[in-house]
Amino acid sequence: MCQIWASYEWAFAPESDKTIDYLFVGSRGTIDVGYRGELQLHRGNGWEILYVHPPVRQPDPDIPFAYPYAEQVQDFVDAIRDGREPEVNGETARKGIEMALAADRSAATGDVVALPLAG
């Protein structure tokens, strides 16, 4: 069982402290997802940092919002050009979307949604 709390980002300049943060509180632990920050796991004996998002570069200071996936898109273009697998391939992206859909279904129904999703 898991409960999700979420806050959503406002389109302010990167120096703003407004971010998207998700807190997944489950019966066996808590996952704290800081958008463009750290992914942390807590299982009762302190926080373990699982991932740290690299800094997002602001290409033009006159534009108040930095596209957070610019480097990912550039890597995809480079992978096509170089004939290699991108850092985030289709399977990885599909799993991320599947996880978001499962969280949405769980929030809407109050039920546990198992992964992988059926059909």
Protein backbone atom coordinates (compact mmCIF):
# COMPACT_ATOMS: atom_id res chain seq x y z
CA MET A 1 0.00 0.00 0.00
CA CYS A 2 1.29 3.46 -0.86
CA GLN A 3 0.03 7.01 -0.52
CA ILE A 4 1.33 9.78 -2.79
CA TRP A 5 1.74 13.49 -2.02
CA ALA A 6 2.68 15.76 -4.87
CA SER A 7 3.39 19.43 -5.44
CA TYR A 8 3.75 20.92 -8.91
CA GLU A 9 6.28 23.26 -10.46
CA TRP A 10 5.47 26.81 -11.45
CA ALA A 11 7.12 28.23 -14.57
CA PHE A 12 9.45 30.58 -12.71
CA ALA A 13 13.13 31.20 -13.33
CA PRO A 14 15.47 28.40 -12.19
CA GLU A 15 16.52 30.33 -9.06
CA SER A 16 12.96 29.95 -7.77
CA ASP A 17 12.46 27.44 -4.97
CA LYS A 18 9.27 26.08 -6.61
CA THR A 19 9.79 22.50 -7.74
CA ILE A 20 7.89 19.31 -8.38
CA ASP A 21 8.32 16.93 -5.47
CA TYR A 22 6.77 13.53 -4.92
CA LEU A 23 6.64 11.65 -1.66
CA PHE A 24 5.60 8.00 -1.90
CA VAL A 25 4.78 6.68 1.57
CA GLY A 26 4.39 2.93 1.66
CA SER A 27 4.06 0.23 4.27
CA ARG A 28 7.72 -0.78 3.81
CA GLY A 29 9.37 2.57 3.22
CA THR A 30 9.23 6.06 1.78
CA ILE A 31 10.55 7.37 -1.54
CA ASP A 32 11.22 11.10 -1.85
CA VAL A 33 11.55 12.29 -5.46
CA GLY A 34 12.91 15.82 -5.73
CA TYR A 35 12.37 17.02 -9.29
CA ARG A 36 15.79 17.97 -10.67
CA GLY A 37 17.19 16.95 -7.29
CA GLU A 38 17.68 13.73 -5.38
CA LEU A 39 15.82 10.43 -5.33
CA GLN A 40 15.93 9.10 -1.78
CA LEU A 41 14.73 5.93 -0.06
CA HIS A 42 13.91 5.61 3.63
CA ARG A 43 13.28 2.21 5.19
CA GLY A 44 13.31 3.14 8.87
CA ASN A 45 17.07 3.53 9.31
CA GLY A 46 17.81 6.81 7.58
CA TRP A 47 17.70 8.13 4.03
CA GLU A 48 19.66 6.48 1.21
CA ILE A 49 20.35 8.63 -1.85
CA LEU A 50 19.67 6.54 -4.95
CA TYR A 51 20.10 9.18 -7.65
CA VAL A 52 21.16 12.81 -7.99
CA HIS A 53 19.88 14.69 -11.04
CA PRO A 54 22.59 16.63 -12.83
CA PRO A 55 22.16 20.42 -12.89
CA VAL A 56 19.89 21.77 -15.62
CA ARG A 57 21.67 24.43 -17.64
CA GLN A 58 19.73 27.59 -18.45
CA PRO A 59 20.66 28.26 -22.10
CA ASP A 60 19.22 31.78 -22.25
CA PRO A 61 18.89 33.88 -19.08
CA ASP A 62 16.10 35.92 -20.72
CA ILE A 63 13.87 32.83 -20.94
CA PRO A 64 12.30 32.18 -17.52
CA PHE A 65 12.12 28.40 -17.89
CA ALA A 66 14.81 25.82 -18.71
CA TYR A 67 13.73 22.75 -20.64
CA PRO A 68 14.76 19.95 -18.25
CA TYR A 69 15.11 17.28 -20.93
CA ALA A 70 17.25 19.22 -23.42
CA GLU A 71 20.33 17.12 -22.69
CA GLN A 72 18.29 13.90 -22.95
CA VAL A 73 16.91 14.96 -26.35
CA GLN A 74 20.42 15.95 -27.48
CA ASP A 75 21.73 12.53 -26.41
CA PHE A 76 18.95 10.88 -28.44
CA VAL A 77 19.94 12.89 -31.53
CA ASP A 78 23.62 12.08 -30.93
CA ALA A 79 22.80 8.38 -30.51
CA ILE A 80 21.06 8.31 -33.89
CA ARG A 81 23.98 10.12 -35.49
CA ASP A 82 26.58 7.89 -33.79
CA GLY A 83 24.68 4.61 -34.27
CA ARG A 84 24.51 3.82 -30.55
CA GLU A 85 21.81 3.23 -27.94
CA PRO A 86 20.65 6.45 -26.20
CA GLU A 87 21.05 6.78 -22.43
CA VAL A 88 17.25 6.65 -22.10
CA ASN A 89 15.93 4.13 -24.59
CA GLY A 90 12.34 3.32 -25.49
CA GLU A 91 12.06 0.53 -22.91
CA THR A 92 13.25 2.79 -20.10
CA ALA A 93 10.83 5.53 -21.19
CA ARG A 94 7.95 3.02 -21.41
CA LYS A 95 8.61 1.83 -17.86
CA GLY A 96 8.58 5.43 -16.59
CA ILE A 97 5.25 6.11 -18.29
CA GLU A 98 3.87 2.82 -16.98
CA MET A 99 4.86 3.75 -13.43
CA ALA A 100 3.17 7.16 -13.76
CA LEU A 101 -0.01 5.55 -15.13
CA ALA A 102 -0.04 3.05 -12.27
CA ALA A 103 0.33 5.86 -9.71
CA ASP A 104 -2.49 7.78 -11.38
CA ARG A 105 -4.77 4.72 -11.38
CA SER A 106 -3.94 4.00 -7.76
CA ALA A 107 -4.68 7.60 -6.74
CA ALA A 108 -8.00 7.54 -8.63
CA THR A 109 -9.20 4.19 -7.28
CA GLY A 110 -7.43 3.84 -3.93
CA ASP A 111 -6.32 0.36 -5.02
CA VAL A 112 -2.86 -1.15 -5.27
CA VAL A 113 -1.84 -1.26 -8.95
CA ALA A 114 0.66 -3.99 -9.80
CA LEU A 115 3.43 -3.55 -12.35
CA PRO A 116 3.77 -4.35 -15.16
CA LEU A 117 0.34 -3.13 -16.17
CA ALA A 118 -1.81 -5.71 -17.92
CA GLY A 119 -2.65 -5.19 -21.61
